[in-house]
Amino acid sequence: MPIEINPKICHGKPVIKGTRIMVADILSLLAGGYDVKKVLEYYPELTEENVKEAIQYAISALQEEEIKLLP
């Protein structure tokens, strides 16, 4: 997966490997109505596969999330 987490890059936030483009920024664009083509126009250094990997990373993170209810 081309997602990288490094405390020296973007304060440890997940980024597309080899860039400083955060997964959260890609997801924000998609949530704001951008389609993949428009995201690629905004970030021309990305590929369609990078965008898909960002989405998959978010899905995986949510699937692994553990919710604990407070008493």
C-alpha atoms as a PDB file:
ATOM      1  CA  MET A   1       0.000   0.000   0.000  1.00  0.00           C
ATOM      2  CA  PRO A   2       1.486   3.348  -0.924  1.00  0.00           C
ATOM      3  CA  ILE A   3       0.352   4.937   2.335  1.00  0.00           C
ATOM      4  CA  GLU A   4       3.123   6.084   4.641  1.00  0.00           C
ATOM      5  CA  ILE A   5       3.047   7.121   8.275  1.00  0.00           C
ATOM      6  CA  ASN A   6       6.221   8.846   9.393  1.00  0.00           C
ATOM      7  CA  PRO A   7       6.422  11.209  12.379  1.00  0.00           C
ATOM      8  CA  LYS A   8       8.782  13.418  10.358  1.00  0.00           C
ATOM      9  CA  ILE A   9       6.255  13.900   7.541  1.00  0.00           C
ATOM     10  CA  CYS A  10       3.045  15.899   8.129  1.00  0.00           C
ATOM     11  CA  HIS A  11       3.218  15.251  11.891  1.00  0.00           C
ATOM     12  CA  GLY A  12       2.742  11.512  11.389  1.00  0.00           C
ATOM     13  CA  LYS A  13      -0.525  11.790   9.494  1.00  0.00           C
ATOM     14  CA  PRO A  14      -1.040   9.145   6.757  1.00  0.00           C
ATOM     15  CA  VAL A  15       0.215  10.397   3.390  1.00  0.00           C
ATOM     16  CA  ILE A  16       0.637   8.991  -0.091  1.00  0.00           C
ATOM     17  CA  LYS A  17       4.151   7.542  -0.017  1.00  0.00           C
ATOM     18  CA  GLY A  18       6.741   9.831  -1.564  1.00  0.00           C
ATOM     19  CA  THR A  19       4.512  12.903  -1.210  1.00  0.00           C
ATOM     20  CA  ARG A  20       3.219  15.179   1.505  1.00  0.00           C
ATOM     21  CA  ILE A  21      -0.369  14.689   0.340  1.00  0.00           C
ATOM     22  CA  MET A  22      -2.410  13.522   3.293  1.00  0.00           C
ATOM     23  CA  VAL A  23      -5.053  10.833   3.005  1.00  0.00           C
ATOM     24  CA  ALA A  24      -7.411  13.145   4.887  1.00  0.00           C
ATOM     25  CA  ASP A  25      -7.000  15.840   2.213  1.00  0.00           C
ATOM     26  CA  ILE A  26      -7.925  13.392  -0.553  1.00  0.00           C
ATOM     27  CA  LEU A  27     -10.946  12.194   1.405  1.00  0.00           C
ATOM     28  CA  SER A  28     -12.004  15.783   2.087  1.00  0.00           C
ATOM     29  CA  LEU A  29     -12.011  16.555  -1.615  1.00  0.00           C
ATOM     30  CA  LEU A  30     -14.080  13.454  -2.353  1.00  0.00           C
ATOM     31  CA  ALA A  31     -16.507  14.296   0.458  1.00  0.00           C
ATOM     32  CA  GLY A  32     -16.760  17.827  -0.926  1.00  0.00           C
ATOM     33  CA  GLY A  33     -18.038  16.557  -4.252  1.00  0.00           C
ATOM     34  CA  TYR A  34     -14.854  16.038  -6.246  1.00  0.00           C
ATOM     35  CA  ASP A  35     -14.740  12.902  -8.346  1.00  0.00           C
ATOM     36  CA  VAL A  36     -11.489  10.998  -8.875  1.00  0.00           C
ATOM     37  CA  LYS A  37     -10.764  12.876 -12.113  1.00  0.00           C
ATOM     38  CA  LYS A  38     -11.078  16.233 -10.349  1.00  0.00           C
ATOM     39  CA  VAL A  39      -8.864  15.041  -7.448  1.00  0.00           C
ATOM     40  CA  LEU A  40      -6.216  14.072 -10.012  1.00  0.00           C
ATOM     41  CA  GLU A  41      -6.476  17.518 -11.604  1.00  0.00           C
ATOM     42  CA  TYR A  42      -6.017  19.100  -8.161  1.00  0.00           C
ATOM     43  CA  TYR A  43      -3.073  16.802  -7.350  1.00  0.00           C
ATOM     44  CA  PRO A  44      -1.533  15.919 -10.746  1.00  0.00           C
ATOM     45  CA  GLU A  45       1.284  13.968  -9.085  1.00  0.00           C
ATOM     46  CA  LEU A  46      -1.239  11.349  -7.901  1.00  0.00           C
ATOM     47  CA  THR A  47      -2.612   8.382  -9.790  1.00  0.00           C
ATOM     48  CA  GLU A  48      -6.090   6.906  -9.711  1.00  0.00           C
ATOM     49  CA  GLU A  49      -4.577   4.010  -7.759  1.00  0.00           C
ATOM     50  CA  ASN A  50      -3.322   6.473  -5.104  1.00  0.00           C
ATOM     51  CA  VAL A  51      -6.852   7.807  -4.622  1.00  0.00           C
ATOM     52  CA  LYS A  52      -8.253   4.283  -4.336  1.00  0.00           C
ATOM     53  CA  GLU A  53      -5.558   3.392  -1.796  1.00  0.00           C
ATOM     54  CA  ALA A  54      -6.477   6.447   0.287  1.00  0.00           C
ATOM     55  CA  ILE A  55     -10.100   5.308   0.345  1.00  0.00           C
ATOM     56  CA  GLN A  56      -9.075   1.751   1.202  1.00  0.00           C
ATOM     57  CA  TYR A  57      -6.843   3.033   3.998  1.00  0.00           C
ATOM     58  CA  ALA A  58      -9.789   4.911   5.512  1.00  0.00           C
ATOM     59  CA  ILE A  59     -11.995   1.826   5.264  1.00  0.00           C
ATOM     60  CA  SER A  60      -9.338  -0.316   6.944  1.00  0.00           C
ATOM     61  CA  ALA A  61      -8.811   2.224   9.713  1.00  0.00           C
ATOM     62  CA  LEU A  62     -12.544   2.297  10.454  1.00  0.00           C
ATOM     63  CA  GLN A  63     -12.818  -1.487  10.415  1.00  0.00           C
ATOM     64  CA  GLU A  64     -10.004  -1.744  12.972  1.00  0.00           C
ATOM     65  CA  GLU A  65     -11.403   1.007  15.172  1.00  0.00           C
ATOM     66  CA  GLU A  66     -12.505  -0.191  18.582  1.00  0.00           C
ATOM     67  CA  ILE A  67     -15.321   1.655  20.285  1.00  0.00           C
ATOM     68  CA  LYS A  68     -15.517   1.586  24.061  1.00  0.00           C
ATOM     69  CA  LEU A  69     -18.632   2.822  25.784  1.00  0.00           C
ATOM     70  CA  LEU A  70     -18.222   4.812  28.958  1.00  0.00           C
ATOM     71  CA  PRO A  71     -20.194   3.629  31.989  1.00  0.00           C
END
